[in-house]
C-alpha atoms as a PDB file:
ATOM      1  CA  UNK A   1       0.362   0.040  -0.178  1.00  0.00           C
ATOM      2  CA  UNK A   2       1.530   3.354  -0.805  1.00  0.00           C
ATOM      3  CA  UNK A   3       1.169   6.029   1.537  1.00  0.00           C
ATOM      4  CA  UNK A   4      -0.189   9.623   0.472  1.00  0.00           C
ATOM      5  CA  UNK A   5       2.510  12.527   0.550  1.00  0.00           C
ATOM      6  CA  UNK A   6       1.204  14.858   3.331  1.00  0.00           C
ATOM      7  CA  UNK A   7       1.159  17.910   1.033  1.00  0.00           C
ATOM      8  CA  UNK A   8      -0.525  16.048  -2.462  1.00  0.00           C
ATOM      9  CA  UNK A   9      -3.987  16.549  -1.205  1.00  0.00           C
ATOM     10  CA  UNK A  10      -2.702  20.787  -0.948  1.00  0.00           C
ATOM     11  CA  UNK A  11      -0.951  19.981  -4.772  1.00  0.00           C
ATOM     12  CA  UNK A  12      -4.399  18.536  -5.808  1.00  0.00           C
ATOM     13  CA  UNK A  13      -6.170  21.497  -4.575  1.00  0.00           C
ATOM     14  CA  UNK A  14      -4.078  24.127  -5.999  1.00  0.00           C
ATOM     15  CA  UNK A  15      -4.239  22.065  -9.656  1.00  0.00           C
ATOM     16  CA  UNK A  16      -7.686  22.070  -9.390  1.00  0.00           C
ATOM     17  CA  UNK A  17      -8.464  25.494  -8.437  1.00  0.00           C
ATOM     18  CA  UNK A  18      -6.192  27.037 -10.818  1.00  0.00           C
ATOM     19  CA  UNK A  19      -8.608  24.607 -13.777  1.00  0.00           C
ATOM     20  CA  UNK A  20     -11.574  26.166 -12.306  1.00  0.00           C
ATOM     21  CA  UNK A  21      -9.876  30.079 -11.911  1.00  0.00           C
ATOM     22  CA  UNK A  22      -8.804  29.743 -15.504  1.00  0.00           C
ATOM     23  CA  UNK A  23     -12.045  28.305 -16.945  1.00  0.00           C
ATOM     24  CA  UNK A  24     -14.767  30.353 -14.452  1.00  0.00           C
ATOM     25  CA  UNK A  25     -12.626  32.755 -13.033  1.00  0.00           C
ATOM     26  CA  UNK A  26     -11.611  33.213  -8.978  1.00  0.00           C
ATOM     27  CA  UNK A  27     -15.061  35.225  -8.472  1.00  0.00           C
ATOM     28  CA  UNK A  28     -17.428  32.740 -10.084  1.00  0.00           C
ATOM     29  CA  UNK A  29     -15.595  29.698  -8.655  1.00  0.00           C
ATOM     30  CA  UNK A  30     -16.536  28.711  -5.338  1.00  0.00           C
ATOM     31  CA  UNK A  31     -14.498  26.633  -2.155  1.00  0.00           C
ATOM     32  CA  UNK A  32     -17.520  24.290  -2.890  1.00  0.00           C
ATOM     33  CA  UNK A  33     -16.819  23.771  -6.361  1.00  0.00           C
ATOM     34  CA  UNK A  34     -13.383  22.692  -6.072  1.00  0.00           C
ATOM     35  CA  UNK A  35     -14.276  20.529  -3.592  1.00  0.00           C
ATOM     36  CA  UNK A  36     -16.996  18.804  -5.674  1.00  0.00           C
ATOM     37  CA  UNK A  37     -14.176  18.518  -8.001  1.00  0.00           C
ATOM     38  CA  UNK A  38     -12.306  16.978  -5.961  1.00  0.00           C
ATOM     39  CA  UNK A  39     -14.908  14.888  -3.740  1.00  0.00           C
ATOM     40  CA  UNK A  40     -13.354  16.448  -0.786  1.00  0.00           C
ATOM     41  CA  UNK A  41     -15.912  18.429   2.097  1.00  0.00           C
ATOM     42  CA  UNK A  42     -15.344  22.655   2.152  1.00  0.00           C
ATOM     43  CA  UNK A  43     -13.818  21.637   5.902  1.00  0.00           C
ATOM     44  CA  UNK A  44     -10.643  19.665   4.071  1.00  0.00           C
ATOM     45  CA  UNK A  45     -10.250  22.524   1.248  1.00  0.00           C
ATOM     46  CA  UNK A  46     -10.609  25.046   4.510  1.00  0.00           C
ATOM     47  CA  UNK A  47      -8.037  22.866   6.161  1.00  0.00           C
ATOM     48  CA  UNK A  48      -5.313  23.732   3.534  1.00  0.00           C
ATOM     49  CA  UNK A  49      -5.717  27.140   2.614  1.00  0.00           C
ATOM     50  CA  UNK A  50      -8.181  29.095   5.431  1.00  0.00           C
ATOM     51  CA  UNK A  51      -9.304  31.255   2.946  1.00  0.00           C
ATOM     52  CA  UNK A  52     -10.388  31.640  -0.749  1.00  0.00           C
ATOM     53  CA  UNK A  53      -7.469  34.263  -1.178  1.00  0.00           C
ATOM     54  CA  UNK A  54      -4.857  32.164   0.520  1.00  0.00           C
ATOM     55  CA  UNK A  55      -5.594  29.814  -2.666  1.00  0.00           C
ATOM     56  CA  UNK A  56      -4.725  32.611  -5.361  1.00  0.00           C
ATOM     57  CA  UNK A  57      -1.832  33.826  -3.169  1.00  0.00           C
ATOM     58  CA  UNK A  58      -0.289  29.878  -3.172  1.00  0.00           C
ATOM     59  CA  UNK A  59      -0.981  29.807  -7.138  1.00  0.00           C
ATOM     60  CA  UNK A  60       0.931  33.401  -7.965  1.00  0.00           C
ATOM     61  CA  UNK A  61       3.677  32.178  -5.151  1.00  0.00           C
ATOM     62  CA  UNK A  62       5.553  30.888  -7.692  1.00  0.00           C
ATOM     63  CA  UNK A  63       5.638  33.215 -10.678  1.00  0.00           C
ATOM     64  CA  UNK A  64       5.977  35.714  -7.843  1.00  0.00           C
ATOM     65  CA  UNK A  65       8.804  34.336  -6.304  1.00  0.00           C
ATOM     66  CA  UNK A  66      10.693  33.711  -9.843  1.00  0.00           C
ATOM     67  CA  UNK A  67      10.398  37.290 -10.809  1.00  0.00           C
ATOM     68  CA  UNK A  68      11.931  38.654  -7.271  1.00  0.00           C
ATOM     69  CA  UNK A  69      15.036  36.451  -8.096  1.00  0.00           C
ATOM     70  CA  UNK A  70      15.396  37.299 -11.731  1.00  0.00           C
ATOM     71  CA  UNK A  71      15.185  40.513 -10.300  1.00  0.00           C
ATOM     72  CA  UNK A  72      17.745  39.978  -7.644  1.00  0.00           C
ATOM     73  CA  UNK A  73      19.966  38.453 -10.081  1.00  0.00           C
ATOM     74  CA  UNK A  74      20.118  40.702 -13.019  1.00  0.00           C
ATOM     75  CA  UNK A  75      20.350  43.633 -10.852  1.00  0.00           C
ATOM     76  CA  UNK A  76      23.868  42.677  -9.851  1.00  0.00           C
ATOM     77  CA  UNK A  77      24.699  43.017 -13.539  1.00  0.00           C
ATOM     78  CA  UNK A  78      26.157  46.055 -15.320  1.00  0.00           C
ATOM     79  CA  UNK A  79      23.378  48.130 -16.877  1.00  0.00           C
ATOM     80  CA  UNK A  80      23.712  47.225 -20.538  1.00  0.00           C
ATOM     81  CA  UNK A  81      23.714  43.483 -19.371  1.00  0.00           C
ATOM     82  CA  UNK A  82      21.161  43.821 -16.778  1.00  0.00           C
ATOM     83  CA  UNK A  83      18.561  45.139 -19.304  1.00  0.00           C
ATOM     84  CA  UNK A  84      19.165  42.023 -22.041  1.00  0.00           C
ATOM     85  CA  UNK A  85      19.001  39.441 -19.362  1.00  0.00           C
ATOM     86  CA  UNK A  86      16.232  40.868 -17.267  1.00  0.00           C
ATOM     87  CA  UNK A  87      14.407  41.116 -20.600  1.00  0.00           C
ATOM     88  CA  UNK A  88      14.767  37.801 -21.762  1.00  0.00           C
ATOM     89  CA  UNK A  89      14.721  36.433 -18.272  1.00  0.00           C
ATOM     90  CA  UNK A  90      10.858  37.776 -18.217  1.00  0.00           C
ATOM     91  CA  UNK A  91       9.572  37.015 -21.211  1.00  0.00           C
ATOM     92  CA  UNK A  92      10.930  32.877 -19.989  1.00  0.00           C
ATOM     93  CA  UNK A  93       9.288  33.540 -16.556  1.00  0.00           C
ATOM     94  CA  UNK A  94       5.957  34.566 -17.814  1.00  0.00           C
ATOM     95  CA  UNK A  95       5.916  31.526 -20.145  1.00  0.00           C
ATOM     96  CA  UNK A  96       6.947  29.027 -17.661  1.00  0.00           C
ATOM     97  CA  UNK A  97       3.751  30.760 -15.669  1.00  0.00           C
ATOM     98  CA  UNK A  98       1.239  31.303 -18.427  1.00  0.00           C
ATOM     99  CA  UNK A  99      -1.694  29.766 -17.074  1.00  0.00           C
ATOM    100  CA  UNK A 100      -1.002  31.777 -13.562  1.00  0.00           C
ATOM    101  CA  UNK A 101      -0.647  35.084 -15.844  1.00  0.00           C
ATOM    102  CA  UNK A 102      -3.909  34.589 -17.586  1.00  0.00           C
ATOM    103  CA  UNK A 103      -5.491  33.895 -14.134  1.00  0.00           C
ATOM    104  CA  UNK A 104      -4.450  36.681 -13.222  1.00  0.00           C
ATOM    105  CA  UNK A 105      -5.396  38.975 -16.423  1.00  0.00           C
ATOM    106  CA  UNK A 106      -8.703  37.046 -15.979  1.00  0.00           C
ATOM    107  CA  UNK A 107      -9.514  38.950 -12.657  1.00  0.00           C
ATOM    108  CA  UNK A 108      -7.515  41.427 -12.586  1.00  0.00           C
ATOM    109  CA  UNK A 109      -9.947  43.977 -10.485  1.00  0.00           C
ATOM    110  CA  UNK A 110     -10.099  41.075  -7.694  1.00  0.00           C
ATOM    111  CA  UNK A 111      -6.494  40.706  -7.474  1.00  0.00           C
ATOM    112  CA  UNK A 112      -5.979  44.388  -7.291  1.00  0.00           C
ATOM    113  CA  UNK A 113      -7.271  44.407  -3.614  1.00  0.00           C
ATOM    114  CA  UNK A 114      -5.132  42.111  -2.144  1.00  0.00           C
ATOM    115  CA  UNK A 115      -1.223  41.640  -1.146  1.00  0.00           C
ATOM    116  CA  UNK A 116      -0.600  39.910  -4.543  1.00  0.00           C
ATOM    117  CA  UNK A 117      -1.230  43.246  -6.371  1.00  0.00           C
ATOM    118  CA  UNK A 118       1.223  45.168  -4.160  1.00  0.00           C
ATOM    119  CA  UNK A 119       3.630  42.518  -4.292  1.00  0.00           C
ATOM    120  CA  UNK A 120       3.416  42.850  -7.976  1.00  0.00           C
ATOM    121  CA  UNK A 121       3.328  46.185  -8.658  1.00  0.00           C
ATOM    122  CA  UNK A 122       7.070  46.666  -5.925  1.00  0.00           C
ATOM    123  CA  UNK A 123       7.720  43.771  -8.925  1.00  0.00           C
ATOM    124  CA  UNK A 124       7.131  45.788 -12.012  1.00  0.00           C
ATOM    125  CA  UNK A 125       8.734  49.158 -10.677  1.00  0.00           C
ATOM    126  CA  UNK A 126      12.021  47.046  -9.984  1.00  0.00           C
ATOM    127  CA  UNK A 127      11.678  45.921 -13.354  1.00  0.00           C
ATOM    128  CA  UNK A 128      11.306  49.036 -14.744  1.00  0.00           C
ATOM    129  CA  UNK A 129      14.130  50.772 -13.410  1.00  0.00           C
ATOM    130  CA  UNK A 130      16.493  48.094 -14.821  1.00  0.00           C
ATOM    131  CA  UNK A 131      15.243  48.367 -18.182  1.00  0.00           C
ATOM    132  CA  UNK A 132      15.523  51.830 -17.914  1.00  0.00           C
ATOM    133  CA  UNK A 133      18.971  51.936 -16.231  1.00  0.00           C
ATOM    134  CA  UNK A 134      20.629  55.080 -14.021  1.00  0.00           C
ATOM    135  CA  UNK A 135      20.065  58.385 -14.716  1.00  0.00           C
ATOM    136  CA  UNK A 136      17.112  58.200 -17.140  1.00  0.00           C
ATOM    137  CA  UNK A 137      15.310  60.321 -18.491  1.00  0.00           C
ATOM    138  CA  UNK A 138      11.083  60.597 -18.512  1.00  0.00           C
ATOM    139  CA  UNK A 139      11.349  58.846 -22.164  1.00  0.00           C
ATOM    140  CA  UNK A 140      13.397  56.241 -21.139  1.00  0.00           C
ATOM    141  CA  UNK A 141      11.275  55.321 -18.068  1.00  0.00           C
ATOM    142  CA  UNK A 142       7.939  55.877 -20.305  1.00  0.00           C
ATOM    143  CA  UNK A 143       9.752  52.996 -22.815  1.00  0.00           C
ATOM    144  CA  UNK A 144      11.007  50.600 -20.156  1.00  0.00           C
ATOM    145  CA  UNK A 145       7.492  50.233 -18.832  1.00  0.00           C
ATOM    146  CA  UNK A 146       6.022  50.101 -22.533  1.00  0.00           C
ATOM    147  CA  UNK A 147       9.124  47.018 -23.019  1.00  0.00           C
ATOM    148  CA  UNK A 148       8.157  45.310 -19.525  1.00  0.00           C
ATOM    149  CA  UNK A 149       4.513  45.125 -20.947  1.00  0.00           C
ATOM    150  CA  UNK A 150       5.869  43.848 -24.316  1.00  0.00           C
ATOM    151  CA  UNK A 151       7.287  40.982 -22.306  1.00  0.00           C
ATOM    152  CA  UNK A 152       4.012  39.920 -20.822  1.00  0.00           C
ATOM    153  CA  UNK A 153       0.599  40.498 -22.166  1.00  0.00           C
ATOM    154  CA  UNK A 154       0.796  38.843 -25.304  1.00  0.00           C
ATOM    155  CA  UNK A 155       1.676  35.404 -23.551  1.00  0.00           C
ATOM    156  CA  UNK A 156      -2.453  36.427 -22.093  1.00  0.00           C
ATOM    157  CA  UNK A 157      -3.729  37.332 -25.852  1.00  0.00           C
ATOM    158  CA  UNK A 158      -1.526  34.642 -28.021  1.00  0.00           C
ATOM    159  CA  UNK A 159      -2.509  31.262 -26.186  1.00  0.00           C
ATOM    160  CA  UNK A 160      -2.702  29.702 -29.425  1.00  0.00           C
ATOM    161  CA  UNK A 161       0.783  30.395 -30.483  1.00  0.00           C
ATOM    162  CA  UNK A 162       3.361  28.457 -29.406  1.00  0.00           C
ATOM    163  CA  UNK A 163       6.051  29.016 -27.279  1.00  0.00           C
ATOM    164  CA  UNK A 164       9.120  29.749 -29.171  1.00  0.00           C
ATOM    165  CA  UNK A 165       7.217  31.369 -31.641  1.00  0.00           C
ATOM    166  CA  UNK A 166       5.506  33.968 -29.132  1.00  0.00           C
ATOM    167  CA  UNK A 167       9.138  34.258 -27.626  1.00  0.00           C
ATOM    168  CA  UNK A 168      10.927  35.354 -30.685  1.00  0.00           C
ATOM    169  CA  UNK A 169       7.732  37.768 -31.615  1.00  0.00           C
ATOM    170  CA  UNK A 170       8.036  39.234 -28.487  1.00  0.00           C
ATOM    171  CA  UNK A 171      11.771  39.725 -27.943  1.00  0.00           C
ATOM    172  CA  UNK A 172      11.996  40.962 -31.618  1.00  0.00           C
ATOM    173  CA  UNK A 173       9.216  43.603 -30.267  1.00  0.00           C
ATOM    174  CA  UNK A 174      11.176  44.508 -27.574  1.00  0.00           C
ATOM    175  CA  UNK A 175      14.649  44.937 -29.569  1.00  0.00           C
ATOM    176  CA  UNK A 176      12.456  47.059 -32.055  1.00  0.00           C
ATOM    177  CA  UNK A 177      11.151  49.732 -29.206  1.00  0.00           C
ATOM    178  CA  UNK A 178      14.476  49.710 -27.821  1.00  0.00           C
ATOM    179  CA  UNK A 179      16.579  50.366 -30.866  1.00  0.00           C
ATOM    180  CA  UNK A 180      15.431  53.208 -31.004  1.00  0.00           C
ATOM    181  CA  UNK A 181      16.519  54.875 -27.520  1.00  0.00           C
ATOM    182  CA  UNK A 182      19.850  53.080 -27.659  1.00  0.00           C
ATOM    183  CA  UNK A 183      18.180  49.554 -26.997  1.00  0.00           C
ATOM    184  CA  UNK A 184      20.986  47.798 -29.110  1.00  0.00           C
ATOM    185  CA  UNK A 185      23.748  49.260 -27.555  1.00  0.00           C
ATOM    186  CA  UNK A 186      22.345  48.232 -24.478  1.00  0.00           C
ATOM    187  CA  UNK A 187      22.841  44.841 -25.326  1.00  0.00           C
ATOM    188  CA  UNK A 188      19.129  44.412 -26.450  1.00  0.00           C
ATOM    189  CA  UNK A 189      19.778  42.336 -29.868  1.00  0.00           C
ATOM    190  CA  UNK A 190      22.710  44.065 -30.230  1.00  0.00           C
ATOM    191  CA  UNK A 191      24.849  43.511 -33.196  1.00  0.00           C
ATOM    192  CA  UNK A 192      27.436  45.661 -35.802  1.00  0.00           C
ATOM    193  CA  UNK A 193      24.122  46.198 -38.582  1.00  0.00           C
ATOM    194  CA  UNK A 194      22.501  47.342 -36.215  1.00  0.00           C
ATOM    195  CA  UNK A 195      24.487  50.216 -34.863  1.00  0.00           C
ATOM    196  CA  UNK A 196      25.403  51.181 -38.709  1.00  0.00           C
ATOM    197  CA  UNK A 197      21.651  51.405 -39.405  1.00  0.00           C
ATOM    198  CA  UNK A 198      21.292  54.101 -36.419  1.00  0.00           C
ATOM    199  CA  UNK A 199      24.386  56.433 -37.676  1.00  0.00           C
ATOM    200  CA  UNK A 200      23.373  59.489 -39.458  1.00  0.00           C
ATOM    201  CA  UNK A 201      22.337  59.079 -42.548  1.00  0.00           C
ATOM    202  CA  UNK A 202      22.734  55.554 -43.079  1.00  0.00           C
ATOM    203  CA  UNK A 203      19.669  53.652 -42.053  1.00  0.00           C
ATOM    204  CA  UNK A 204      19.180  50.573 -43.898  1.00  0.00           C
ATOM    205  CA  UNK A 205      15.515  50.215 -45.651  1.00  0.00           C
ATOM    206  CA  UNK A 206      13.771  47.057 -45.565  1.00  0.00           C
ATOM    207  CA  UNK A 207      14.840  44.008 -43.289  1.00  0.00           C
ATOM    208  CA  UNK A 208      18.105  43.803 -41.181  1.00  0.00           C
ATOM    209  CA  UNK A 209      20.558  41.565 -42.353  1.00  0.00           C
ATOM    210  CA  UNK A 210      21.897  40.201 -39.273  1.00  0.00           C
ATOM    211  CA  UNK A 211      20.482  39.160 -36.336  1.00  0.00           C
ATOM    212  CA  UNK A 212      21.254  39.645 -32.492  1.00  0.00           C
ATOM    213  CA  UNK A 213      22.945  36.617 -30.397  1.00  0.00           C
ATOM    214  CA  UNK A 214      19.002  35.374 -28.631  1.00  0.00           C
ATOM    215  CA  UNK A 215      17.486  35.290 -32.593  1.00  0.00           C
ATOM    216  CA  UNK A 216      20.184  33.201 -33.340  1.00  0.00           C
ATOM    217  CA  UNK A 217      20.024  31.074 -30.478  1.00  0.00           C
ATOM    218  CA  UNK A 218      15.984  31.183 -31.421  1.00  0.00           C
ATOM    219  CA  UNK A 219      16.833  30.341 -35.392  1.00  0.00           C
ATOM    220  CA  UNK A 220      18.715  27.335 -33.693  1.00  0.00           C
ATOM    221  CA  UNK A 221      15.923  25.843 -31.327  1.00  0.00           C
ATOM    222  CA  UNK A 222      12.971  26.463 -34.414  1.00  0.00           C
ATOM    223  CA  UNK A 223      15.271  25.058 -36.687  1.00  0.00           C
ATOM    224  CA  UNK A 224      16.237  21.752 -34.794  1.00  0.00           C
ATOM    225  CA  UNK A 225      12.942  21.603 -33.603  1.00  0.00           C
ATOM    226  CA  UNK A 226      11.642  20.698 -36.867  1.00  0.00           C
ATOM    227  CA  UNK A 227       8.650  22.209 -36.763  1.00  0.00           C
ATOM    228  CA  UNK A 228       9.141  25.613 -38.479  1.00  0.00           C
ATOM    229  CA  UNK A 229      10.637  26.246 -41.974  1.00  0.00           C
ATOM    230  CA  UNK A 230      12.964  28.660 -42.684  1.00  0.00           C
ATOM    231  CA  UNK A 231       9.949  31.197 -43.808  1.00  0.00           C
ATOM    232  CA  UNK A 232       8.427  30.937 -40.785  1.00  0.00           C
ATOM    233  CA  UNK A 233      11.396  31.831 -38.997  1.00  0.00           C
ATOM    234  CA  UNK A 234      12.341  34.522 -40.898  1.00  0.00           C
ATOM    235  CA  UNK A 235       8.676  35.213 -40.357  1.00  0.00           C
ATOM    236  CA  UNK A 236       8.962  35.253 -36.829  1.00  0.00           C
ATOM    237  CA  UNK A 237      12.266  37.050 -36.482  1.00  0.00           C
ATOM    238  CA  UNK A 238      11.307  40.086 -38.628  1.00  0.00           C
ATOM    239  CA  UNK A 239      14.649  39.121 -41.174  1.00  0.00           C
ATOM    240  CA  UNK A 240      15.319  37.517 -44.838  1.00  0.00           C
ATOM    241  CA  UNK A 241      15.410  33.674 -45.907  1.00  0.00           C
ATOM    242  CA  UNK A 242      19.384  34.498 -46.822  1.00  0.00           C
ATOM    243  CA  UNK A 243      19.646  36.654 -43.115  1.00  0.00           C
ATOM    244  CA  UNK A 244      18.225  32.696 -41.608  1.00  0.00           C
ATOM    245  CA  UNK A 245      20.359  30.604 -43.688  1.00  0.00           C
ATOM    246  CA  UNK A 246      23.311  32.302 -43.133  1.00  0.00           C
ATOM    247  CA  UNK A 247      23.118  32.533 -39.147  1.00  0.00           C
ATOM    248  CA  UNK A 248      22.171  28.407 -39.660  1.00  0.00           C
ATOM    249  CA  UNK A 249      25.184  28.035 -41.601  1.00  0.00           C
ATOM    250  CA  UNK A 250      23.658  27.417 -45.384  1.00  0.00           C
ATOM    251  CA  UNK A 251      22.836  29.975 -47.794  1.00  0.00           C
ATOM    252  CA  UNK A 252      20.852  32.303 -49.490  1.00  0.00           C
ATOM    253  CA  UNK A 253      20.859  35.142 -51.600  1.00  0.00           C
ATOM    254  CA  UNK A 254      19.171  38.455 -50.281  1.00  0.00           C
END
């Protein structure tokens, strides 16, 4: 006979609560519904979670903890590397906790009344400061807020897009936003071709002929997975087929 792990019931409660919150919303899901799905009593739920809000707190804790760890790690880096590492790490963390993020967006008005919201706001403010960099002006601070939103919101609105494709699109969008204010020099998708394109009187029309390190890694992952054609990868990264071929070690003509 197997012995049930002490926290197994708690884990099952959280799993079902996330399912129901995601389907029906936090406010429209009762503790009784969760108990019935699990064939438990409401008292059994309350034993592990004295209040319904405690379920929400427990479900969002992994997301918040991972974001706080990311902030601590990137804050110790020099500003250019900190920005790049934070943005890529933010996207990866949001993708890892995709369902929890969707649950929060589904009931954002309710979340704003609890301690979870205040913690989220503190995390967002720290992230904005790292992206903006030291001595940032108003425009840089505005772009930093936009950049963080670009690394979160699409995950909720494009739930049917494969993670690798969505990740590439999101990071490409952030790079394009920050390139206009020196983002590439700060390390987000930086490459010599982009630097040359920003030089006065030498802005290159059309698609870029080179990819940043993050785009190259994404191209290799998508190609190795065999789920995307070269055309698909080029479209996702905003470059030409020849550029993709060149970075994959193949051939092609611009």
